[in-house]
């Protein structure tokens, strides 16, 4: 019986997650399986992969085939790398101590990369949240200024044409007064001259 390590779909339509299983290669995708090896949730960032390392390693060593996605997941968790190192022990190229040392080093580097990615995602999320709050505050301030401008009454300024007409009327009214003063001046001086002429006659 040919066995295959593959994913079995579960969850809702827009929120699917998967079981990693070993099944007969002829069985339906979501049908009967031999053993459940772990779970894979692609909805988180980074993706959550929970797998039974020893049992998965057993099925890889006995020659179970793998789908492309299952192979990628097993490589991500270091199962294929560990299997490669163990083959080196069988060939005499490595010792078991060297295998454990190399795999521990690889595993630490992998964990550091995952932690760095998670930290970077957290920082990006915090920054995006702060930027969104700042943009929202700016929009609110602009909206408050706009509302205040609408509610403030505007004083009506006099129309230019009306002001010009008013100045013209004032100018025309002042002209006759000046002319009247100039005409009255000679009438006041005339009697004075006549009086000076009449005084000698009285003597």
N, C-alpha and C. Protein backbone atom coordinates (compact mmCIF):
# COMPACT_ATOMS: atom_id res chain seq x y z
N UNK A 1 0.84 -1.19 0.00
CA UNK A 1 0.00 0.00 0.00
C UNK A 1 0.88 1.25 0.00
N UNK A 2 0.68 2.11 -1.00
CA UNK A 2 1.45 3.36 -1.08
C UNK A 2 0.83 4.39 -0.15
N UNK A 3 1.65 4.96 0.70
CA UNK A 3 1.17 5.98 1.64
C UNK A 3 1.63 7.36 1.18
N UNK A 4 0.86 8.35 1.59
CA UNK A 4 1.16 9.73 1.20
C UNK A 4 0.88 10.65 2.38
N UNK A 5 1.81 11.59 2.59
CA UNK A 5 1.60 12.64 3.58
C UNK A 5 0.98 13.82 2.86
N UNK A 6 -0.18 14.24 3.32
CA UNK A 6 -0.90 15.31 2.63
C UNK A 6 -1.77 16.09 3.61
N UNK A 7 -2.44 17.10 3.08
CA UNK A 7 -3.30 17.96 3.90
C UNK A 7 -4.75 17.54 3.74
N UNK A 8 -5.46 17.61 4.84
CA UNK A 8 -6.89 17.33 4.84
C UNK A 8 -7.61 18.59 5.30
N UNK A 9 -8.50 19.10 4.43
CA UNK A 9 -9.12 20.41 4.68
C UNK A 9 -10.20 20.34 5.76
N UNK A 10 -10.19 21.36 6.64
CA UNK A 10 -11.22 21.53 7.67
C UNK A 10 -11.53 23.01 7.79
N UNK A 11 -12.49 23.35 8.64
CA UNK A 11 -12.81 24.75 8.87
C UNK A 11 -13.90 25.27 7.94
N UNK A 12 -14.13 26.58 8.02
CA UNK A 12 -15.18 27.22 7.24
C UNK A 12 -14.68 27.59 5.85
N UNK A 13 -15.60 28.11 5.05
CA UNK A 13 -15.27 28.42 3.66
C UNK A 13 -14.20 29.49 3.56
N UNK A 14 -14.33 30.55 4.32
CA UNK A 14 -13.37 31.66 4.25
C UNK A 14 -12.32 31.61 5.35
N UNK A 15 -12.32 30.51 6.13
CA UNK A 15 -11.38 30.41 7.25
C UNK A 15 -10.95 28.95 7.40
N UNK A 16 -10.30 28.44 6.37
CA UNK A 16 -9.94 27.03 6.36
C UNK A 16 -8.64 26.78 7.11
N UNK A 17 -8.55 25.61 7.75
CA UNK A 17 -7.28 25.14 8.28
C UNK A 17 -7.18 23.66 7.93
N UNK A 18 -6.01 23.09 8.13
CA UNK A 18 -5.74 21.76 7.58
C UNK A 18 -5.13 20.84 8.62
N UNK A 19 -5.44 19.55 8.47
CA UNK A 19 -4.78 18.50 9.23
C UNK A 19 -3.73 17.88 8.33
N UNK A 20 -2.56 17.64 8.90
CA UNK A 20 -1.51 16.93 8.18
C UNK A 20 -1.65 15.45 8.52
N UNK A 21 -1.91 14.64 7.52
CA UNK A 21 -2.22 13.23 7.76
C UNK A 21 -1.40 12.33 6.84
N UNK A 22 -1.29 11.09 7.28
CA UNK A 22 -0.76 10.03 6.42
C UNK A 22 -1.94 9.17 5.99
N UNK A 23 -2.09 9.01 4.68
CA UNK A 23 -3.25 8.28 4.18
C UNK A 23 -2.84 7.43 2.98
N UNK A 24 -3.73 6.50 2.64
CA UNK A 24 -3.54 5.72 1.42
C UNK A 24 -3.62 6.68 0.23
N UNK A 25 -2.70 6.55 -0.69
CA UNK A 25 -2.65 7.46 -1.83
C UNK A 25 -3.91 7.37 -2.69
N UNK A 26 -4.67 6.27 -2.57
CA UNK A 26 -5.89 6.10 -3.36
C UNK A 26 -7.12 6.65 -2.65
N UNK A 27 -7.00 7.03 -1.37
CA UNK A 27 -8.15 7.52 -0.61
C UNK A 27 -8.48 8.96 -1.02
N UNK A 28 -9.76 9.37 -0.88
CA UNK A 28 -10.13 10.76 -1.18
C UNK A 28 -9.39 11.74 -0.27
N UNK A 29 -9.32 12.98 -0.71
CA UNK A 29 -8.56 13.98 0.04
C UNK A 29 -9.07 14.11 1.48
N UNK A 30 -10.37 14.21 1.64
CA UNK A 30 -10.96 14.39 2.98
C UNK A 30 -11.53 13.09 3.52
N UNK A 31 -11.08 11.97 2.98
CA UNK A 31 -11.61 10.68 3.41
C UNK A 31 -10.81 10.06 4.55
N UNK A 32 -10.81 8.75 4.59
CA UNK A 32 -10.18 8.00 5.66
C UNK A 32 -8.66 8.17 5.60
N UNK A 33 -8.02 8.29 6.78
CA UNK A 33 -6.56 8.43 6.83
C UNK A 33 -6.00 7.44 7.84
N UNK A 34 -4.70 7.24 7.76
CA UNK A 34 -4.03 6.26 8.63
C UNK A 34 -3.67 6.89 9.97
N UNK A 35 -3.05 8.09 9.93
CA UNK A 35 -2.59 8.73 11.16
C UNK A 35 -2.57 10.24 10.96
N UNK A 36 -2.98 10.94 11.97
CA UNK A 36 -2.90 12.41 11.96
C UNK A 36 -1.55 12.82 12.54
N UNK A 37 -0.80 13.62 11.76
CA UNK A 37 0.55 14.01 12.16
C UNK A 37 0.61 15.42 12.75
N UNK A 38 -0.35 16.28 12.41
CA UNK A 38 -0.30 17.64 12.94
C UNK A 38 -1.35 18.51 12.28
N UNK A 39 -1.23 19.81 12.49
CA UNK A 39 -2.18 20.77 11.92
C UNK A 39 -1.41 21.93 11.28
N UNK A 40 -2.09 22.58 10.36
CA UNK A 40 -1.52 23.73 9.66
C UNK A 40 -2.60 24.80 9.52
N UNK A 41 -2.32 25.99 10.08
CA UNK A 41 -3.27 27.10 10.03
C UNK A 41 -2.64 28.27 9.26
N UNK A 42 -3.05 28.48 8.00
CA UNK A 42 -2.46 29.57 7.21
C UNK A 42 -3.09 30.93 7.48
N UNK A 43 -4.07 31.00 8.37
CA UNK A 43 -4.77 32.27 8.62
C UNK A 43 -3.99 33.20 9.55
N UNK A 44 -3.00 32.68 10.24
CA UNK A 44 -2.18 33.51 11.11
C UNK A 44 -0.93 33.97 10.35
N UNK A 45 -0.26 35.00 10.89
CA UNK A 45 0.96 35.49 10.25
C UNK A 45 2.03 35.66 11.33
N UNK A 46 3.10 34.84 11.35
CA UNK A 46 3.36 33.74 10.42
C UNK A 46 2.42 32.56 10.64
N UNK A 47 2.36 31.67 9.67
CA UNK A 47 1.45 30.53 9.74
C UNK A 47 1.79 29.64 10.93
N UNK A 48 0.74 29.02 11.49
CA UNK A 48 0.92 28.15 12.65
C UNK A 48 0.99 26.70 12.18
N UNK A 49 2.13 26.08 12.49
CA UNK A 49 2.34 24.67 12.10
C UNK A 49 2.66 23.89 13.36
N UNK A 50 1.78 22.95 13.70
CA UNK A 50 1.98 22.09 14.87
C UNK A 50 2.07 20.66 14.37
N UNK A 51 3.22 20.03 14.56
CA UNK A 51 3.44 18.72 13.95
C UNK A 51 4.17 17.79 14.92
N UNK A 52 3.83 16.50 14.85
CA UNK A 52 4.51 15.48 15.65
C UNK A 52 5.80 15.11 14.91
N UNK A 53 6.92 15.63 15.44
CA UNK A 53 8.19 15.49 14.72
C UNK A 53 8.60 14.03 14.54
N UNK A 54 8.53 13.25 15.61
CA UNK A 54 9.03 11.87 15.56
C UNK A 54 8.19 11.00 14.63
N UNK A 55 6.85 11.11 14.74
CA UNK A 55 6.00 10.27 13.89
C UNK A 55 6.10 10.68 12.42
N UNK A 56 6.23 11.97 12.18
CA UNK A 56 6.39 12.41 10.80
C UNK A 56 7.73 11.92 10.24
N UNK A 57 8.77 11.99 11.06
CA UNK A 57 10.07 11.48 10.64
C UNK A 57 10.00 9.98 10.31
N UNK A 58 9.24 9.25 11.12
CA UNK A 58 9.09 7.80 10.86
C UNK A 58 8.49 7.56 9.47
N UNK A 59 7.41 8.28 9.15
CA UNK A 59 6.76 8.05 7.86
C UNK A 59 7.65 8.51 6.70
N UNK A 60 8.44 9.54 6.91
CA UNK A 60 9.37 9.97 5.86
C UNK A 60 10.44 8.90 5.64
N UNK A 61 10.94 8.29 6.73
CA UNK A 61 11.99 7.29 6.61
C UNK A 61 11.51 5.99 5.98
N UNK A 62 10.21 5.68 6.15
CA UNK A 62 9.70 4.45 5.54
C UNK A 62 9.28 4.66 4.10
N UNK A 63 9.48 5.89 3.60
CA UNK A 63 9.25 6.12 2.17
C UNK A 63 7.89 6.67 1.80
N UNK A 64 7.18 7.32 2.73
CA UNK A 64 5.87 7.90 2.38
C UNK A 64 6.08 9.06 1.41
N UNK A 65 5.23 9.11 0.41
CA UNK A 65 5.28 10.22 -0.53
C UNK A 65 4.69 11.47 0.10
N UNK A 66 4.95 12.61 -0.51
CA UNK A 66 4.47 13.88 0.04
C UNK A 66 3.92 14.74 -1.10
N UNK A 67 2.84 15.43 -0.80
CA UNK A 67 2.37 16.44 -1.75
C UNK A 67 3.31 17.65 -1.69
N UNK A 68 3.20 18.54 -2.66
CA UNK A 68 4.11 19.70 -2.70
C UNK A 68 3.96 20.57 -1.45
N UNK A 69 2.71 20.79 -1.02
CA UNK A 69 2.49 21.62 0.17
C UNK A 69 3.00 20.93 1.42
N UNK A 70 2.77 19.63 1.54
CA UNK A 70 3.25 18.88 2.69
C UNK A 70 4.78 18.87 2.73
N UNK A 71 5.41 18.73 1.57
CA UNK A 71 6.88 18.76 1.51
C UNK A 71 7.41 20.12 2.00
N UNK A 72 6.75 21.21 1.57
CA UNK A 72 7.17 22.55 2.00
C UNK A 72 7.04 22.71 3.51
N UNK A 73 5.95 22.18 4.08
CA UNK A 73 5.75 22.28 5.53
C UNK A 73 6.78 21.47 6.30
N UNK A 74 7.07 20.26 5.82
CA UNK A 74 8.06 19.42 6.49
C UNK A 74 9.46 20.01 6.37
N UNK A 75 9.75 20.64 5.25
CA UNK A 75 11.04 21.31 5.11
C UNK A 75 11.13 22.51 6.04
N UNK A 76 10.03 23.23 6.19
CA UNK A 76 9.99 24.40 7.06
C UNK A 76 10.24 24.00 8.51
N UNK A 77 9.73 22.85 8.91
CA UNK A 77 9.91 22.38 10.30
C UNK A 77 11.22 21.61 10.50
N UNK A 78 12.02 21.43 9.44
CA UNK A 78 13.33 20.80 9.58
C UNK A 78 13.31 19.28 9.51
N UNK A 79 12.18 18.69 9.20
CA UNK A 79 12.11 17.22 9.16
C UNK A 79 12.92 16.67 8.01
N UNK A 80 12.83 17.31 6.85
CA UNK A 80 13.59 16.82 5.69
C UNK A 80 15.09 17.02 5.90
N UNK A 81 15.46 18.11 6.57
CA UNK A 81 16.89 18.35 6.84
C UNK A 81 17.43 17.30 7.82
N UNK A 82 16.65 17.01 8.84
CA UNK A 82 17.07 15.99 9.81
C UNK A 82 17.18 14.62 9.13
N UNK A 83 16.27 14.30 8.24
CA UNK A 83 16.32 13.03 7.52
C UNK A 83 17.58 12.97 6.65
N UNK A 84 17.93 14.12 6.04
CA UNK A 84 19.14 14.18 5.22
C UNK A 84 20.39 13.93 6.07
N UNK A 85 20.43 14.50 7.28
CA UNK A 85 21.58 14.29 8.15
C UNK A 85 21.66 12.83 8.61
N UNK A 86 20.54 12.23 8.90
CA UNK A 86 20.53 10.83 9.34
C UNK A 86 21.04 9.91 8.23
N UNK A 87 20.71 10.23 6.98
CA UNK A 87 21.25 9.43 5.86
C UNK A 87 22.77 9.55 5.81
N UNK A 88 23.28 10.74 6.21
CA UNK A 88 24.74 10.89 6.27
C UNK A 88 25.37 9.98 7.30
N UNK A 89 24.66 9.75 8.41
CA UNK A 89 25.16 8.82 9.43
C UNK A 89 25.22 7.41 8.87
N UNK A 90 24.18 7.03 8.11
CA UNK A 90 24.14 5.68 7.52
C UNK A 90 25.29 5.48 6.53
N UNK A 91 25.69 6.55 5.87
CA UNK A 91 26.79 6.46 4.91
C UNK A 91 28.16 6.61 5.57
N UNK A 92 28.17 6.95 6.86
CA UNK A 92 29.43 7.10 7.57
C UNK A 92 30.04 8.49 7.44
N UNK A 93 29.34 9.43 6.86
CA UNK A 93 29.88 10.77 6.68
C UNK A 93 29.76 11.61 7.95
N UNK A 94 28.80 11.27 8.79
CA UNK A 94 28.57 12.04 10.02
C UNK A 94 28.34 11.08 11.18
N UNK A 95 28.55 11.61 12.37
CA UNK A 95 28.21 10.88 13.58
C UNK A 95 26.88 11.41 14.11
N UNK A 96 26.31 10.67 15.03
CA UNK A 96 25.04 11.10 15.61
C UNK A 96 25.20 12.41 16.38
N UNK A 97 26.35 12.59 17.05
CA UNK A 97 26.59 13.84 17.77
C UNK A 97 26.64 15.03 16.81
N UNK A 98 27.30 14.81 15.67
CA UNK A 98 27.36 15.89 14.67
C UNK A 98 25.98 16.21 14.11
N UNK A 99 25.17 15.18 13.93
CA UNK A 99 23.81 15.39 13.43
C UNK A 99 23.02 16.25 14.40
N UNK A 100 23.08 15.89 15.69
CA UNK A 100 22.33 16.65 16.69
C UNK A 100 22.85 18.08 16.80
N UNK A 101 24.16 18.25 16.70
CA UNK A 101 24.75 19.58 16.80
C UNK A 101 24.32 20.46 15.62
N UNK A 102 24.42 19.91 14.42
CA UNK A 102 24.03 20.68 13.23
C UNK A 102 22.54 21.00 13.23
N UNK A 103 21.75 20.02 13.63
CA UNK A 103 20.30 20.27 13.62
C UNK A 103 19.91 21.30 14.68
N UNK A 104 20.56 21.25 15.85
CA UNK A 104 20.27 22.23 16.90
C UNK A 104 20.64 23.64 16.42
N UNK A 105 21.77 23.76 15.72
CA UNK A 105 22.18 25.06 15.19
C UNK A 105 21.16 25.56 14.16
N UNK A 106 20.75 24.66 13.26
CA UNK A 106 19.76 25.03 12.24
C UNK A 106 18.45 25.45 12.89
N UNK A 107 18.03 24.70 13.91
CA UNK A 107 16.76 24.98 14.58
C UNK A 107 16.80 26.33 15.28
N UNK A 108 17.93 26.67 15.90
CA UNK A 108 18.05 27.97 16.58
C UNK A 108 17.98 29.12 15.56
N UNK A 109 18.67 28.98 14.44
CA UNK A 109 18.62 30.02 13.41
C UNK A 109 17.20 30.19 12.87
N UNK A 110 16.51 29.07 12.70
CA UNK A 110 15.13 29.12 12.20
C UNK A 110 14.23 29.83 13.20
N UNK A 111 14.36 29.53 14.48
CA UNK A 111 13.54 30.17 15.50
C UNK A 111 13.83 31.67 15.59
N UNK A 112 15.10 32.04 15.43
CA UNK A 112 15.46 33.47 15.45
C UNK A 112 14.81 34.21 14.28
N UNK A 113 14.79 33.59 13.11
CA UNK A 113 14.16 34.21 11.94
C UNK A 113 12.66 34.39 12.16
N UNK A 114 12.03 33.36 12.73
CA UNK A 114 10.58 33.44 12.98
C UNK A 114 10.28 34.53 14.01
N UNK A 115 11.10 34.59 15.07
CA UNK A 115 10.89 35.61 16.10
C UNK A 115 11.11 37.01 15.53
N UNK A 116 12.13 37.16 14.68
CA UNK A 116 12.39 38.46 14.05
C UNK A 116 11.23 38.88 13.16
N UNK A 117 10.70 37.94 12.41
CA UNK A 117 9.56 38.25 11.55
C UNK A 117 8.34 38.65 12.37
N UNK A 118 8.07 37.91 13.45
CA UNK A 118 6.93 38.23 14.30
C UNK A 118 7.08 39.60 14.93
N UNK A 119 8.32 39.92 15.37
CA UNK A 119 8.57 41.24 15.97
C UNK A 119 8.37 42.35 14.94
N UNK A 120 8.87 42.13 13.73
CA UNK A 120 8.70 43.12 12.67
C UNK A 120 7.23 43.35 12.33
N UNK A 121 6.46 42.27 12.28
CA UNK A 121 5.03 42.40 12.00
C UNK A 121 4.31 43.17 13.11
N UNK A 122 4.72 42.92 14.35
CA UNK A 122 4.11 43.62 15.48
C UNK A 122 4.43 45.12 15.43
N UNK A 123 5.68 45.46 15.09
CA UNK A 123 6.06 46.87 14.97
C UNK A 123 5.29 47.55 13.84
N UNK A 124 5.16 46.84 12.72
CA UNK A 124 4.42 47.40 11.58
C UNK A 124 2.96 47.64 11.95
N UNK A 125 2.38 46.70 12.68
CA UNK A 125 0.98 46.85 13.08
C UNK A 125 0.82 48.04 14.03
N UNK A 126 1.76 48.20 14.97
CA UNK A 126 1.70 49.33 15.91
C UNK A 126 1.84 50.65 15.17
N UNK A 127 2.78 50.72 14.23
CA UNK A 127 2.99 51.94 13.45
C UNK A 127 1.76 52.27 12.61
N UNK A 128 1.19 51.24 11.97
CA UNK A 128 0.01 51.47 11.15
C UNK A 128 -1.16 51.99 11.99
N UNK A 129 -1.29 51.46 13.21
CA UNK A 129 -2.36 51.92 14.10
C UNK A 129 -2.14 53.37 14.51
N UNK A 130 -0.86 53.73 14.83
CA UNK A 130 -0.55 55.12 15.20
C UNK A 130 -0.80 56.07 14.04
N UNK A 131 -0.42 55.66 12.82
CA UNK A 131 -0.65 56.50 11.65
C UNK A 131 -2.14 56.69 11.39
N UNK A 132 -2.90 55.63 11.60
CA UNK A 132 -4.36 55.73 11.39
C UNK A 132 -4.98 56.69 12.40
N UNK A 133 -4.54 56.62 13.65
CA UNK A 133 -5.07 57.53 14.68
C UNK A 133 -4.69 58.97 14.37
N UNK A 134 -3.46 59.20 13.90
CA UNK A 134 -3.02 60.55 13.56
C UNK A 134 -3.83 61.11 12.40
N UNK A 135 -4.04 60.29 11.37
CA UNK A 135 -4.83 60.74 10.22
C UNK A 135 -6.27 61.05 10.63
N UNK A 136 -6.82 60.22 11.50
CA UNK A 136 -8.19 60.45 11.97
C UNK A 136 -8.29 61.75 12.77
N UNK A 137 -7.25 62.03 13.60
CA UNK A 137 -7.24 63.27 14.37
C UNK A 137 -7.17 64.50 13.45
N UNK A 138 -6.36 64.41 12.40
CA UNK A 138 -6.25 65.52 11.45
C UNK A 138 -7.58 65.76 10.73
N UNK A 139 -8.24 64.69 10.34
CA UNK A 139 -9.54 64.83 9.67
C UNK A 139 -10.56 65.45 10.61
N UNK A 140 -10.56 65.03 11.87
CA UNK A 140 -11.49 65.59 12.85
C UNK A 140 -11.24 67.08 13.08
N UNK A 141 -9.95 67.46 13.16
CA UNK A 141 -9.62 68.89 13.36
C UNK A 141 -10.06 69.72 12.17
N UNK A 142 -9.82 69.22 10.96
CA UNK A 142 -10.24 69.96 9.77
C UNK A 142 -11.76 70.09 9.71
N UNK A 143 -12.44 69.03 10.10
CA UNK A 143 -13.91 69.07 10.09
C UNK A 143 -14.43 70.07 11.13
N UNK A 144 -13.79 70.13 12.32
CA UNK A 144 -14.21 71.08 13.35
C UNK A 144 -14.01 72.52 12.87
N UNK A 145 -12.88 72.79 12.19
CA UNK A 145 -12.64 74.14 11.66
C UNK A 145 -13.69 74.51 10.61
N UNK A 146 -14.03 73.55 9.79
CA UNK A 146 -15.04 73.81 8.74
C UNK A 146 -16.41 74.11 9.35
N UNK A 147 -16.78 73.36 10.38
CA UNK A 147 -18.07 73.58 11.04
C UNK A 147 -18.09 74.93 11.73
N UNK A 148 -16.96 75.31 12.37
CA UNK A 148 -16.89 76.61 13.05
C UNK A 148 -17.00 77.75 12.04
N UNK A 149 -16.38 77.57 10.87
CA UNK A 149 -16.46 78.61 9.84
C UNK A 149 -17.89 78.77 9.33
N UNK A 150 -18.62 77.68 9.23
CA UNK A 150 -20.01 77.76 8.76
C UNK A 150 -20.90 78.44 9.80
N UNK A 151 -20.65 78.20 11.07
CA UNK A 151 -21.51 78.74 12.13
C UNK A 151 -21.17 80.20 12.48
N UNK A 152 -20.03 80.72 12.07
CA UNK A 152 -19.64 82.09 12.38
C UNK A 152 -20.34 83.06 11.43
N UNK A 153 -21.14 84.08 11.95
CA UNK A 153 -21.83 85.02 11.06
C UNK A 153 -20.84 85.96 10.39
N UNK A 154 -21.09 86.25 9.12
CA UNK A 154 -20.22 87.12 8.34
C UNK A 154 -20.87 88.51 8.26
N UNK A 155 -20.12 89.61 8.64
CA UNK A 155 -20.66 90.98 8.59
C UNK A 155 -20.74 91.45 7.14
N UNK A 156 -21.91 92.04 6.81
CA UNK A 156 -22.13 92.48 5.43
C UNK A 156 -21.42 93.81 5.20
N UNK A 157 -20.54 93.87 4.23
CA UNK A 157 -19.82 95.10 3.89
C UNK A 157 -20.65 95.92 2.93
N UNK A 158 -20.58 97.31 2.99
CA UNK A 158 -21.36 98.14 2.06
C UNK A 158 -20.93 97.90 0.62
N UNK A 159 -21.92 97.93 -0.24
CA UNK A 159 -21.63 97.70 -1.64
C UNK A 159 -20.84 98.87 -2.21
N UNK A 160 -19.90 98.64 -3.11
CA UNK A 160 -19.07 99.72 -3.66
C UNK A 160 -19.87 100.79 -4.40
N UNK A 161 -20.89 100.40 -5.14
CA UNK A 161 -21.68 101.36 -5.91
C UNK A 161 -22.44 102.31 -4.97
N UNK A 162 -23.00 101.78 -3.88
CA UNK A 162 -23.74 102.61 -2.93
C UNK A 162 -22.81 103.61 -2.26
N UNK A 163 -21.60 103.18 -1.91
CA UNK A 163 -20.64 104.08 -1.27
C UNK A 163 -20.24 105.21 -2.22
N UNK A 164 -20.08 104.92 -3.49
CA UNK A 164 -19.70 105.96 -4.47
C UNK A 164 -20.81 106.98 -4.62
N UNK A 165 -22.06 106.50 -4.67
CA UNK A 165 -23.19 107.41 -4.80
C UNK A 165 -23.31 108.32 -3.59
N UNK A 166 -23.03 107.78 -2.40
CA UNK A 166 -23.11 108.57 -1.17
C UNK A 166 -22.06 109.67 -1.17
N UNK A 167 -20.81 109.35 -1.58
CA UNK A 167 -19.75 110.36 -1.65
C UNK A 167 -20.09 111.45 -2.66
N UNK A 168 -20.68 111.06 -3.78
CA UNK A 168 -21.05 112.05 -4.81
C UNK A 168 -22.10 113.00 -4.28
N UNK A 169 -23.08 112.49 -3.52
CA UNK A 169 -24.14 113.33 -2.97
C UNK A 169 -23.56 114.33 -1.97
N UNK A 170 -22.60 113.89 -1.13
CA UNK A 170 -21.99 114.80 -0.17
C UNK A 170 -21.21 115.91 -0.86
N UNK A 171 -20.58 115.60 -1.95
CA UNK A 171 -19.79 116.60 -2.70
C UNK A 171 -20.68 117.67 -3.30
N UNK A 172 -21.83 117.25 -3.86
CA UNK A 172 -22.75 118.20 -4.49
C UNK A 172 -23.41 119.10 -3.46
N UNK A 173 -23.59 118.61 -2.26
CA UNK A 173 -24.22 119.42 -1.22
C UNK A 173 -23.27 120.50 -0.69
N UNK A 174 -21.96 120.26 -0.69
CA UNK A 174 -21.00 121.22 -0.15
C UNK A 174 -20.74 122.38 -1.10
N UNK A 175 -20.93 122.21 -2.37
CA UNK A 175 -20.60 123.27 -3.35
C UNK A 175 -21.45 124.52 -3.20
N UNK A 176 -22.79 124.49 -3.09
CA UNK A 176 -23.60 125.70 -2.95
C UNK A 176 -23.25 126.51 -1.71
N UNK A 177 -22.86 125.82 -0.62
CA UNK A 177 -22.53 126.56 0.60
C UNK A 177 -21.33 127.46 0.37
N UNK A 178 -20.33 126.97 -0.32
CA UNK A 178 -19.13 127.77 -0.59
C UNK A 178 -19.46 128.96 -1.48
N UNK A 179 -20.32 128.69 -2.50
CA UNK A 179 -20.69 129.77 -3.41
C UNK A 179 -21.49 130.85 -2.67
N UNK A 180 -22.36 130.46 -1.76
CA UNK A 180 -23.17 131.42 -1.01
C UNK A 180 -22.29 132.31 -0.16
N UNK A 181 -21.21 131.76 0.40
CA UNK A 181 -20.32 132.57 1.23
C UNK A 181 -19.57 133.58 0.40
N UNK A 182 -19.18 133.20 -0.77
CA UNK A 182 -18.44 134.13 -1.63
C UNK A 182 -19.33 135.25 -2.13
N UNK A 183 -20.62 134.98 -2.35
CA UNK A 183 -21.54 136.02 -2.82
C UNK A 183 -21.89 137.00 -1.72
N UNK A 184 -21.95 136.55 -0.47
CA UNK A 184 -22.34 137.43 0.64
C UNK A 184 -21.23 138.40 1.04
N UNK A 185 -20.02 138.08 0.75
CA UNK A 185 -18.90 138.93 1.17
C UNK A 185 -18.96 140.34 0.59
N UNK A 186 -19.24 140.54 -0.71
CA UNK A 186 -19.29 141.90 -1.24
C UNK A 186 -20.42 142.72 -0.66
N UNK A 187 -21.55 142.11 -0.33
CA UNK A 187 -22.69 142.86 0.20
C UNK A 187 -22.36 143.44 1.55
N UNK A 188 -21.50 142.73 2.34
CA UNK A 188 -21.14 143.27 3.65
C UNK A 188 -20.17 144.43 3.54
N UNK A 189 -19.29 144.40 2.51
CA UNK A 189 -18.29 145.46 2.37
C UNK A 189 -18.88 146.74 1.76
N UNK A 190 -19.93 146.63 0.97
CA UNK A 190 -20.49 147.78 0.27
C UNK A 190 -21.00 148.85 1.21
N UNK A 191 -21.77 148.53 2.23
CA UNK A 191 -22.24 149.56 3.15
C UNK A 191 -21.09 150.27 3.86
N UNK A 192 -20.01 149.62 4.11
CA UNK A 192 -18.88 150.24 4.80
C UNK A 192 -18.25 151.33 3.97
N UNK A 193 -18.09 151.03 2.67
CA UNK A 193 -17.52 152.04 1.78
C UNK A 193 -18.45 153.25 1.66
N UNK A 194 -19.75 153.06 1.57
CA UNK A 194 -20.72 154.16 1.45
C UNK A 194 -20.71 155.02 2.71
N UNK A 195 -20.55 154.38 3.84
CA UNK A 195 -20.54 155.14 5.10
C UNK A 195 -19.33 156.05 5.19
N UNK A 196 -18.19 155.58 4.70
CA UNK A 196 -16.98 156.41 4.75
C UNK A 196 -17.09 157.61 3.83
N UNK A 197 -17.80 157.43 2.74
CA UNK A 197 -17.97 158.53 1.80
C UNK A 197 -18.96 159.55 2.32
N UNK A 198 -19.90 159.13 3.06
CA UNK A 198 -20.96 160.04 3.54
C UNK A 198 -20.50 160.88 4.75
N UNK A 199 -19.48 160.47 5.46
CA UNK A 199 -19.04 161.19 6.67
C UNK A 199 -18.55 162.61 6.37
N UNK A 200 -17.82 162.89 5.31
CA UNK A 200 -17.39 164.27 5.06
C UNK A 200 -18.55 165.19 4.77
N UNK A 201 -19.56 164.64 4.17
CA UNK A 201 -20.70 165.47 3.84
C UNK A 201 -21.35 165.96 5.12
N UNK A 202 -21.31 165.23 6.17
CA UNK A 202 -21.92 165.63 7.43
C UNK A 202 -21.19 166.79 8.06
N UNK A 203 -19.89 166.85 7.88
CA UNK A 203 -19.13 167.97 8.41
C UNK A 203 -19.53 169.25 7.72
